[in-house]
Amino acid sequence: MAHKRLATIAAAGHCALAGVASAQVACSTRPITLVAPQVAGGTNDMVGRLVGQKLAEVLGGTAVVDNRPGAGGNIGTRLVDLSKWARIVKSSGAAVD
């Protein structure tokens, strides 16, 4: 239930931002790119794939997770900064042994 709610909120945000970027392009006509600025197989990658799957179901489109590791996450963050259609999947936390 929480995943569906999160996907719905994310989809609404994506559509709102897509409307601002270009009012002529329908929200579901372009694939959603979720950028995880870490290596594949990590937490951000898994969260991005889960959210992307739900977004694709809700919007009826396609969601792609693009892993762009390097420079402490700056490479992936810069890609999102330069793109109108990409969104970032990033978390921060502390590891406790």
PDB file of N, CA and C in Angstrom:
ATOM      1  N   MET A   1       0.821  -1.193   0.000  1.00  0.00           N
ATOM      2  CA  MET A   1       0.000   0.000   0.000  1.00  0.00           C
ATOM      3  C   MET A   1       0.865   1.257   0.000  1.00  0.00           C
ATOM      4  N   ALA A   2       1.924   1.235   0.816  1.00  0.00           N
ATOM      5  CA  ALA A   2       2.804   2.404   0.884  1.00  0.00           C
ATOM      6  C   ALA A   2       3.537   2.610  -0.441  1.00  0.00           C
ATOM      7  N   HIS A   3       3.903   1.501  -1.116  1.00  0.00           N
ATOM      8  CA  HIS A   3       4.588   1.622  -2.408  1.00  0.00           C
ATOM      9  C   HIS A   3       3.675   2.266  -3.442  1.00  0.00           C
ATOM     10  N   LYS A   4       2.397   1.899  -3.429  1.00  0.00           N
ATOM     11  CA  LYS A   4       1.452   2.454  -4.392  1.00  0.00           C
ATOM     12  C   LYS A   4       1.262   3.950  -4.144  1.00  0.00           C
ATOM     13  N   ARG A   5       1.186   4.329  -2.876  1.00  0.00           N
ATOM     14  CA  ARG A   5       1.031   5.741  -2.539  1.00  0.00           C
ATOM     15  C   ARG A   5       2.262   6.534  -2.980  1.00  0.00           C
ATOM     16  N   LEU A   6       3.455   5.986  -2.720  1.00  0.00           N
ATOM     17  CA  LEU A   6       4.693   6.650  -3.122  1.00  0.00           C
ATOM     18  C   LEU A   6       4.765   6.793  -4.636  1.00  0.00           C
ATOM     19  N   ALA A   7       4.392   5.745  -5.347  1.00  0.00           N
ATOM     20  CA  ALA A   7       4.422   5.798  -6.811  1.00  0.00           C
ATOM     21  C   ALA A   7       3.436   6.830  -7.342  1.00  0.00           C
ATOM     22  N   THR A   8       2.266   6.923  -6.716  1.00  0.00           N
ATOM     23  CA  THR A   8       1.262   7.884  -7.151  1.00  0.00           C
ATOM     24  C   THR A   8       1.750   9.306  -6.936  1.00  0.00           C
ATOM     25  N   ILE A   9       2.365   9.555  -5.781  1.00  0.00           N
ATOM     26  CA  ILE A   9       2.896  10.892  -5.494  1.00  0.00           C
ATOM     27  C   ILE A   9       4.016  11.234  -6.474  1.00  0.00           C
ATOM     28  N   ALA A  10       4.913  10.278  -6.711  1.00  0.00           N
ATOM     29  CA  ALA A  10       6.012  10.518  -7.642  1.00  0.00           C
ATOM     30  C   ALA A  10       5.488  10.752  -9.055  1.00  0.00           C
ATOM     31  N   ALA A  11       4.477   9.998  -9.455  1.00  0.00           N
ATOM     32  CA  ALA A  11       3.907  10.164 -10.793  1.00  0.00           C
ATOM     33  C   ALA A  11       3.258  11.535 -10.938  1.00  0.00           C
ATOM     34  N   ALA A  12       2.559  11.964  -9.903  1.00  0.00           N
ATOM     35  CA  ALA A  12       1.930  13.285  -9.955  1.00  0.00           C
ATOM     36  C   ALA A  12       2.984  14.380 -10.065  1.00  0.00           C
ATOM     37  N   GLY A  13       4.056  14.233  -9.320  1.00  0.00           N
ATOM     38  CA  GLY A  13       5.145  15.212  -9.389  1.00  0.00           C
ATOM     39  C   GLY A  13       5.798  15.230 -10.756  1.00  0.00           C
ATOM     40  N   HIS A  14       5.993  14.039 -11.319  1.00  0.00           N
ATOM     41  CA  HIS A  14       6.608  13.957 -12.653  1.00  0.00           C
ATOM     42  C   HIS A  14       5.710  14.627 -13.690  1.00  0.00           C
ATOM     43  N   CYS A  15       4.425  14.355 -13.636  1.00  0.00           N
ATOM     44  CA  CYS A  15       3.505  14.950 -14.606  1.00  0.00           C
ATOM     45  C   CYS A  15       3.442  16.460 -14.445  1.00  0.00           C
ATOM     46  N   ALA A  16       3.480  16.934 -13.189  1.00  0.00           N
ATOM     47  CA  ALA A  16       3.454  18.377 -12.958  1.00  0.00           C
ATOM     48  C   ALA A  16       4.700  19.026 -13.537  1.00  0.00           C
ATOM     49  N   LEU A  17       5.864  18.433 -13.296  1.00  0.00           N
ATOM     50  CA  LEU A  17       7.102  18.986 -13.838  1.00  0.00           C
ATOM     51  C   LEU A  17       7.148  18.863 -15.349  1.00  0.00           C
ATOM     52  N   ALA A  18       6.598  17.795 -15.887  1.00  0.00           N
ATOM     53  CA  ALA A  18       6.569  17.630 -17.340  1.00  0.00           C
ATOM     54  C   ALA A  18       5.688  18.703 -17.973  1.00  0.00           C
ATOM     55  N   GLY A  19       4.602  19.055 -17.300  1.00  0.00           N
ATOM     56  CA  GLY A  19       3.725  20.098 -17.810  1.00  0.00           C
ATOM     57  C   GLY A  19       4.401  21.449 -17.838  1.00  0.00           C
ATOM     58  N   VAL A  20       5.226  21.706 -16.840  1.00  0.00           N
ATOM     59  CA  VAL A  20       5.963  22.958 -16.802  1.00  0.00           C
ATOM     60  C   VAL A  20       7.003  22.997 -17.918  1.00  0.00           C
ATOM     61  N   ALA A  21       7.688  21.876 -18.117  1.00  0.00           N
ATOM     62  CA  ALA A  21       8.752  21.830 -19.121  1.00  0.00           C
ATOM     63  C   ALA A  21       8.203  21.962 -20.534  1.00  0.00           C
ATOM     64  N   SER A  22       7.099  21.283 -20.808  1.00  0.00           N
ATOM     65  CA  SER A  22       6.529  21.349 -22.148  1.00  0.00           C
ATOM     66  C   SER A  22       5.052  20.986 -22.084  1.00  0.00           C
ATOM     67  N   ALA A  23       4.209  21.960 -22.255  1.00  0.00           N
ATOM     68  CA  ALA A  23       2.776  21.733 -22.129  1.00  0.00           C
ATOM     69  C   ALA A  23       2.226  20.927 -23.293  1.00  0.00           C
ATOM     70  N   GLN A  24       2.962  20.804 -24.392  1.00  0.00           N
ATOM     71  CA  GLN A  24       2.459  20.118 -25.564  1.00  0.00           C
ATOM     72  C   GLN A  24       2.727  18.617 -25.542  1.00  0.00           C
ATOM     73  N   VAL A  25       3.632  18.152 -24.707  1.00  0.00           N
ATOM     74  CA  VAL A  25       3.997  16.744 -24.685  1.00  0.00           C
ATOM     75  C   VAL A  25       3.244  16.055 -23.552  1.00  0.00           C
ATOM     76  N   ALA A  26       2.520  15.003 -23.866  1.00  0.00           N
ATOM     77  CA  ALA A  26       1.802  14.250 -22.837  1.00  0.00           C
ATOM     78  C   ALA A  26       2.801  13.577 -21.901  1.00  0.00           C
ATOM     79  N   CYS A  27       2.379  13.395 -20.657  1.00  0.00           N
ATOM     80  CA  CYS A  27       3.270  12.857 -19.640  1.00  0.00           C
ATOM     81  C   CYS A  27       3.773  11.463 -19.991  1.00  0.00           C
ATOM     82  N   SER A  28       2.948  10.629 -20.555  1.00  0.00           N
ATOM     83  CA  SER A  28       3.331   9.242 -20.788  1.00  0.00           C
ATOM     84  C   SER A  28       3.985   8.992 -22.154  1.00  0.00           C
ATOM     85  N   THR A  29       4.234  10.020 -22.926  1.00  0.00           N
ATOM     86  CA  THR A  29       4.834   9.802 -24.242  1.00  0.00           C
ATOM     87  C   THR A  29       6.346   9.655 -24.182  1.00  0.00           C
ATOM     88  N   ARG A  30       6.966  10.081 -23.107  1.00  0.00           N
ATOM     89  CA  ARG A  30       8.413   9.973 -22.957  1.00  0.00           C
ATOM     90  C   ARG A  30       8.726   9.009 -21.830  1.00  0.00           C
ATOM     91  N   PRO A  31       9.806   8.257 -21.950  1.00  0.00           N
ATOM     92  CA  PRO A  31      10.184   7.387 -20.832  1.00  0.00           C
ATOM     93  C   PRO A  31      10.694   8.223 -19.660  1.00  0.00           C
ATOM     94  N   ILE A  32      10.403   7.772 -18.469  1.00  0.00           N
ATOM     95  CA  ILE A  32      10.904   8.425 -17.268  1.00  0.00           C
ATOM     96  C   ILE A  32      12.270   7.831 -16.968  1.00  0.00           C
ATOM     97  N   THR A  33      13.266   8.676 -16.818  1.00  0.00           N
ATOM     98  CA  THR A  33      14.603   8.211 -16.486  1.00  0.00           C
ATOM     99  C   THR A  33      14.877   8.523 -15.029  1.00  0.00           C
ATOM    100  N   LEU A  34      15.105   7.482 -14.249  1.00  0.00           N
ATOM    101  CA  LEU A  34      15.475   7.631 -12.849  1.00  0.00           C
ATOM    102  C   LEU A  34      16.976   7.376 -12.755  1.00  0.00           C
ATOM    103  N   VAL A  35      17.724   8.371 -12.343  1.00  0.00           N
ATOM    104  CA  VAL A  35      19.174   8.258 -12.274  1.00  0.00           C
ATOM    105  C   VAL A  35      19.586   7.920 -10.848  1.00  0.00           C
ATOM    106  N   ALA A  36      20.296   6.813 -10.709  1.00  0.00           N
ATOM    107  CA  ALA A  36      20.874   6.418  -9.427  1.00  0.00           C
ATOM    108  C   ALA A  36      22.370   6.703  -9.518  1.00  0.00           C
ATOM    109  N   PRO A  37      22.855   7.698  -8.772  1.00  0.00           N
ATOM    110  CA  PRO A  37      24.263   8.077  -8.924  1.00  0.00           C
ATOM    111  C   PRO A  37      25.234   7.168  -8.175  1.00  0.00           C
ATOM    112  N   GLN A  38      24.907   5.903  -8.069  1.00  0.00           N
ATOM    113  CA  GLN A  38      25.782   4.902  -7.470  1.00  0.00           C
ATOM    114  C   GLN A  38      25.810   3.674  -8.378  1.00  0.00           C
ATOM    115  N   VAL A  39      26.640   2.700  -8.001  1.00  0.00           N
ATOM    116  CA  VAL A  39      26.764   1.491  -8.816  1.00  0.00           C
ATOM    117  C   VAL A  39      25.475   0.669  -8.786  1.00  0.00           C
ATOM    118  N   ALA A  40      25.289  -0.134  -9.821  1.00  0.00           N
ATOM    119  CA  ALA A  40      24.116  -1.008  -9.900  1.00  0.00           C
ATOM    120  C   ALA A  40      24.161  -2.047  -8.792  1.00  0.00           C
ATOM    121  N   GLY A  41      22.987  -2.393  -8.277  1.00  0.00           N
ATOM    122  CA  GLY A  41      22.882  -3.409  -7.244  1.00  0.00           C
ATOM    123  C   GLY A  41      22.809  -2.845  -5.841  1.00  0.00           C
ATOM    124  N   GLY A  42      22.993  -1.537  -5.698  1.00  0.00           N
ATOM    125  CA  GLY A  42      22.935  -0.901  -4.388  1.00  0.00           C
ATOM    126  C   GLY A  42      21.505  -0.550  -4.003  1.00  0.00           C
ATOM    127  N   THR A  43      21.370   0.079  -2.857  1.00  0.00           N
ATOM    128  CA  THR A  43      20.051   0.443  -2.342  1.00  0.00           C
ATOM    129  C   THR A  43      19.332   1.409  -3.274  1.00  0.00           C
ATOM    130  N   ASN A  44      20.023   2.439  -3.740  1.00  0.00           N
ATOM    131  CA  ASN A  44      19.381   3.408  -4.632  1.00  0.00           C
ATOM    132  C   ASN A  44      18.924   2.768  -5.939  1.00  0.00           C
ATOM    133  N   ASP A  45      19.694   1.815  -6.429  1.00  0.00           N
ATOM    134  CA  ASP A  45      19.319   1.096  -7.638  1.00  0.00           C
ATOM    135  C   ASP A  45      18.032   0.297  -7.409  1.00  0.00           C
ATOM    136  N   MET A  46      17.975  -0.406  -6.286  1.00  0.00           N
ATOM    137  CA  MET A  46      16.785  -1.214  -5.990  1.00  0.00           C
ATOM    138  C   MET A  46      15.555  -0.339  -5.768  1.00  0.00           C
ATOM    139  N   VAL A  47      15.710   0.750  -5.019  1.00  0.00           N
ATOM    140  CA  VAL A  47      14.588   1.664  -4.793  1.00  0.00           C
ATOM    141  C   VAL A  47      14.144   2.279  -6.112  1.00  0.00           C
ATOM    142  N   GLY A  48      15.097   2.674  -6.941  1.00  0.00           N
ATOM    143  CA  GLY A  48      14.759   3.243  -8.242  1.00  0.00           C
ATOM    144  C   GLY A  48      13.988   2.273  -9.110  1.00  0.00           C
ATOM    145  N   ARG A  49      14.375   1.008  -9.089  1.00  0.00           N
ATOM    146  CA  ARG A  49      13.661   0.006  -9.901  1.00  0.00           C
ATOM    147  C   ARG A  49      12.244  -0.242  -9.372  1.00  0.00           C
ATOM    148  N   LEU A  50      12.088  -0.260  -8.039  1.00  0.00           N
ATOM    149  CA  LEU A  50      10.748  -0.434  -7.463  1.00  0.00           C
ATOM    150  C   LEU A  50       9.847   0.753  -7.785  1.00  0.00           C
ATOM    151  N   VAL A  51      10.362   1.954  -7.591  1.00  0.00           N
ATOM    152  CA  VAL A  51       9.581   3.148  -7.879  1.00  0.00           C
ATOM    153  C   VAL A  51       9.312   3.250  -9.376  1.00  0.00           C
ATOM    154  N   GLY A  52      10.307   2.943 -10.189  1.00  0.00           N
ATOM    155  CA  GLY A  52      10.133   2.986 -11.641  1.00  0.00           C
ATOM    156  C   GLY A  52       9.062   2.025 -12.134  1.00  0.00           C
ATOM    157  N   GLN A  53       9.034   0.833 -11.543  1.00  0.00           N
ATOM    158  CA  GLN A  53       8.022  -0.149 -11.923  1.00  0.00           C
ATOM    159  C   GLN A  53       6.619   0.365 -11.596  1.00  0.00           C
ATOM    160  N   LYS A  54       6.455   0.936 -10.417  1.00  0.00           N
ATOM    161  CA  LYS A  54       5.144   1.469 -10.036  1.00  0.00           C
ATOM    162  C   LYS A  54       4.762   2.684 -10.878  1.00  0.00           C
ATOM    163  N   LEU A  55       5.734   3.550 -11.163  1.00  0.00           N
ATOM    164  CA  LEU A  55       5.458   4.701 -12.022  1.00  0.00           C
ATOM    165  C   LEU A  55       4.997   4.253 -13.404  1.00  0.00           C
ATOM    166  N   ALA A  56       5.657   3.249 -13.940  1.00  0.00           N
ATOM    167  CA  ALA A  56       5.273   2.739 -15.259  1.00  0.00           C
ATOM    168  C   ALA A  56       3.852   2.187 -15.235  1.00  0.00           C
ATOM    169  N   GLU A  57       3.490   1.501 -14.151  1.00  0.00           N
ATOM    170  CA  GLU A  57       2.127   0.972 -14.033  1.00  0.00           C
ATOM    171  C   GLU A  57       1.104   2.099 -13.934  1.00  0.00           C
ATOM    172  N   VAL A  58       1.402   3.101 -13.105  1.00  0.00           N
ATOM    173  CA  VAL A  58       0.456   4.197 -12.883  1.00  0.00           C
ATOM    174  C   VAL A  58       0.308   5.062 -14.129  1.00  0.00           C
ATOM    175  N   LEU A  59       1.427   5.373 -14.773  1.00  0.00           N
ATOM    176  CA  LEU A  59       1.390   6.265 -15.936  1.00  0.00           C
ATOM    177  C   LEU A  59       1.134   5.548 -17.252  1.00  0.00           C
ATOM    178  N   GLY A  60       1.318   4.226 -17.249  1.00  0.00           N
ATOM    179  CA  GLY A  60       1.151   3.481 -18.483  1.00  0.00           C
ATOM    180  C   GLY A  60       2.272   3.730 -19.471  1.00  0.00           C
ATOM    181  N   GLY A  61       3.426   4.112 -18.963  1.00  0.00           N
ATOM    182  CA  GLY A  61       4.566   4.394 -19.826  1.00  0.00           C
ATOM    183  C   GLY A  61       5.742   3.501 -19.493  1.00  0.00           C
ATOM    184  N   THR A  62       6.927   4.027 -19.685  1.00  0.00           N
ATOM    185  CA  THR A  62       8.156   3.287 -19.447  1.00  0.00           C
ATOM    186  C   THR A  62       9.022   4.064 -18.463  1.00  0.00           C
ATOM    187  N   ALA A  63       9.639   3.351 -17.542  1.00  0.00           N
ATOM    188  CA  ALA A  63      10.583   3.955 -16.606  1.00  0.00           C
ATOM    189  C   ALA A  63      11.907   3.207 -16.712  1.00  0.00           C
ATOM    190  N   VAL A  64      12.997   3.949 -16.773  1.00  0.00           N
ATOM    191  CA  VAL A  64      14.325   3.376 -16.924  1.00  0.00           C
ATOM    192  C   VAL A  64      15.194   3.858 -15.767  1.00  0.00           C
ATOM    193  N   VAL A  65      15.935   2.927 -15.144  1.00  0.00           N
ATOM    194  CA  VAL A  65      16.904   3.305 -14.118  1.00  0.00           C
ATOM    195  C   VAL A  65      18.278   3.345 -14.768  1.00  0.00           C
ATOM    196  N   ASP A  66      18.915   4.486 -14.669  1.00  0.00           N
ATOM    197  CA  ASP A  66      20.232   4.701 -15.266  1.00  0.00           C
ATOM    198  C   ASP A  66      21.231   4.907 -14.132  1.00  0.00           C
ATOM    199  N   ASN A  67      22.148   3.957 -13.951  1.00  0.00           N
ATOM    200  CA  ASN A  67      23.163   4.074 -12.908  1.00  0.00           C
ATOM    201  C   ASN A  67      24.343   4.868 -13.447  1.00  0.00           C
ATOM    202  N   ARG A  68      24.690   5.956 -12.772  1.00  0.00           N
ATOM    203  CA  ARG A  68      25.809   6.811 -13.185  1.00  0.00           C
ATOM    204  C   ARG A  68      26.715   7.069 -11.984  1.00  0.00           C
ATOM    205  N   PRO A  69      27.525   6.070 -11.604  1.00  0.00           N
ATOM    206  CA  PRO A  69      28.397   6.257 -10.445  1.00  0.00           C
ATOM    207  C   PRO A  69      29.600   7.137 -10.773  1.00  0.00           C
ATOM    208  N   GLY A  70      30.207   7.647  -9.735  1.00  0.00           N
ATOM    209  CA  GLY A  70      31.448   8.389  -9.900  1.00  0.00           C
ATOM    210  C   GLY A  70      31.401   9.770  -9.298  1.00  0.00           C
ATOM    211  N   ALA A  71      32.545  10.215  -8.826  1.00  0.00           N
ATOM    212  CA  ALA A  71      32.730  11.562  -8.270  1.00  0.00           C
ATOM    213  C   ALA A  71      31.793  11.822  -7.098  1.00  0.00           C
ATOM    214  N   GLY A  72      31.566  10.802  -6.287  1.00  0.00           N
ATOM    215  CA  GLY A  72      30.724  10.983  -5.108  1.00  0.00           C
ATOM    216  C   GLY A  72      29.276  11.297  -5.433  1.00  0.00           C
ATOM    217  N   GLY A  73      28.797  10.840  -6.575  1.00  0.00           N
ATOM    218  CA  GLY A  73      27.412  11.078  -6.989  1.00  0.00           C
ATOM    219  C   GLY A  73      27.247  12.308  -7.869  1.00  0.00           C
ATOM    220  N   ASN A  74      28.305  13.053  -8.100  1.00  0.00           N
ATOM    221  CA  ASN A  74      28.206  14.288  -8.882  1.00  0.00           C
ATOM    222  C   ASN A  74      27.935  14.047 -10.364  1.00  0.00           C
ATOM    223  N   ILE A  75      28.398  12.943 -10.911  1.00  0.00           N
ATOM    224  CA  ILE A  75      28.171  12.669 -12.333  1.00  0.00           C
ATOM    225  C   ILE A  75      26.679  12.450 -12.595  1.00  0.00           C
ATOM    226  N   GLY A  76      26.048  11.604 -11.790  1.00  0.00           N
ATOM    227  CA  GLY A  76      24.615  11.371 -11.946  1.00  0.00           C
ATOM    228  C   GLY A  76      23.788  12.599 -11.637  1.00  0.00           C
ATOM    229  N   THR A  77      24.183  13.350 -10.620  1.00  0.00           N
ATOM    230  CA  THR A  77      23.461  14.565 -10.254  1.00  0.00           C
ATOM    231  C   THR A  77      23.538  15.597 -11.366  1.00  0.00           C
ATOM    232  N   ARG A  78      24.680  15.712 -11.993  1.00  0.00           N
ATOM    233  CA  ARG A  78      24.844  16.664 -13.103  1.00  0.00           C
ATOM    234  C   ARG A  78      23.992  16.263 -14.302  1.00  0.00           C
ATOM    235  N   LEU A  79      23.904  14.967 -14.562  1.00  0.00           N
ATOM    236  CA  LEU A  79      23.061  14.484 -15.657  1.00  0.00           C
ATOM    237  C   LEU A  79      21.607  14.896 -15.442  1.00  0.00           C
ATOM    238  N   VAL A  80      21.127  14.744 -14.221  1.00  0.00           N
ATOM    239  CA  VAL A  80      19.746  15.129 -13.901  1.00  0.00           C
ATOM    240  C   VAL A  80      19.584  16.641 -14.019  1.00  0.00           C
ATOM    241  N   ASP A  81      20.598  17.376 -13.593  1.00  0.00           N
ATOM    242  CA  ASP A  81      20.554  18.837 -13.662  1.00  0.00           C
ATOM    243  C   ASP A  81      20.409  19.321 -15.102  1.00  0.00           C
ATOM    244  N   LEU A  82      21.057  18.645 -16.040  1.00  0.00           N
ATOM    245  CA  LEU A  82      21.018  19.063 -17.444  1.00  0.00           C
ATOM    246  C   LEU A  82      19.818  18.523 -18.216  1.00  0.00           C
ATOM    247  N   SER A  83      19.084  17.592 -17.624  1.00  0.00           N
ATOM    248  CA  SER A  83      17.973  16.946 -18.319  1.00  0.00           C
ATOM    249  C   SER A  83      16.634  17.503 -17.868  1.00  0.00           C
ATOM    250  N   LYS A  84      15.700  17.594 -18.802  1.00  0.00           N
ATOM    251  CA  LYS A  84      14.335  17.998 -18.454  1.00  0.00           C
ATOM    252  C   LYS A  84      13.515  16.815 -17.952  1.00  0.00           C
ATOM    253  N   TRP A  85      13.904  15.598 -18.319  1.00  0.00           N
ATOM    254  CA  TRP A  85      13.060  14.447 -18.071  1.00  0.00           C
ATOM    255  C   TRP A  85      13.606  13.474 -17.045  1.00  0.00           C
ATOM    256  N   ALA A  86      14.833  13.614 -16.627  1.00  0.00           N
ATOM    257  CA  ALA A  86      15.414  12.675 -15.662  1.00  0.00           C
ATOM    258  C   ALA A  86      15.125  13.118 -14.231  1.00  0.00           C
ATOM    259  N   ARG A  87      14.963  12.152 -13.350  1.00  0.00           N
ATOM    260  CA  ARG A  87      14.771  12.382 -11.919  1.00  0.00           C
ATOM    261  C   ARG A  87      15.826  11.587 -11.186  1.00  0.00           C
ATOM    262  N   ILE A  88      16.226  12.053 -10.019  1.00  0.00           N
ATOM    263  CA  ILE A  88      17.304  11.392  -9.283  1.00  0.00           C
ATOM    264  C   ILE A  88      16.743  10.495  -8.185  1.00  0.00           C
ATOM    265  N   VAL A  89      17.410   9.368  -7.970  1.00  0.00           N
ATOM    266  CA  VAL A  89      17.092   8.457  -6.871  1.00  0.00           C
ATOM    267  C   VAL A  89      18.323   8.448  -5.984  1.00  0.00           C
ATOM    268  N   LYS A  90      18.230   9.097  -4.848  1.00  0.00           N
ATOM    269  CA  LYS A  90      19.395   9.224  -3.980  1.00  0.00           C
ATOM    270  C   LYS A  90      18.933   9.191  -2.534  1.00  0.00           C
ATOM    271  N   SER A  91      19.716   8.539  -1.729  1.00  0.00           N
ATOM    272  CA  SER A  91      19.434   8.521  -0.299  1.00  0.00           C
ATOM    273  C   SER A  91      20.718   8.788   0.453  1.00  0.00           C
ATOM    274  N   SER A  92      20.570   9.189   1.663  1.00  0.00           N
ATOM    275  CA  SER A  92      21.759   9.364   2.489  1.00  0.00           C
ATOM    276  C   SER A  92      21.448   8.799   3.857  1.00  0.00           C
ATOM    277  N   GLY A  93      22.412   8.205   4.434  1.00  0.00           N
ATOM    278  CA  GLY A  93      22.223   7.606   5.745  1.00  0.00           C
ATOM    279  C   GLY A  93      23.543   7.173   6.310  1.00  0.00           C
ATOM    280  N   ALA A  94      23.523   6.808   7.537  1.00  0.00           N
ATOM    281  CA  ALA A  94      24.741   6.372   8.189  1.00  0.00           C
ATOM    282  C   ALA A  94      24.692   4.862   8.422  1.00  0.00           C
ATOM    283  N   ALA A  95      25.798   4.208   8.189  1.00  0.00           N
ATOM    284  CA  ALA A  95      25.884   2.776   8.439  1.00  0.00           C
ATOM    285  C   ALA A  95      26.340   2.554   9.878  1.00  0.00           C
ATOM    286  N   VAL A  96      25.672   1.627  10.537  1.00  0.00           N
ATOM    287  CA  VAL A  96      26.009   1.332  11.931  1.00  0.00           C
ATOM    288  C   VAL A  96      26.449  -0.122  12.011  1.00  0.00           C
ATOM    289  N   ASP A  97      27.604  -0.352  12.580  1.00  0.00           N
ATOM    290  CA  ASP A  97      28.104  -1.718  12.736  1.00  0.00           C
ATOM    291  C   ASP A  97      27.674  -2.283  14.061  1.00  0.00           C
TER     292      ASP A  97
END
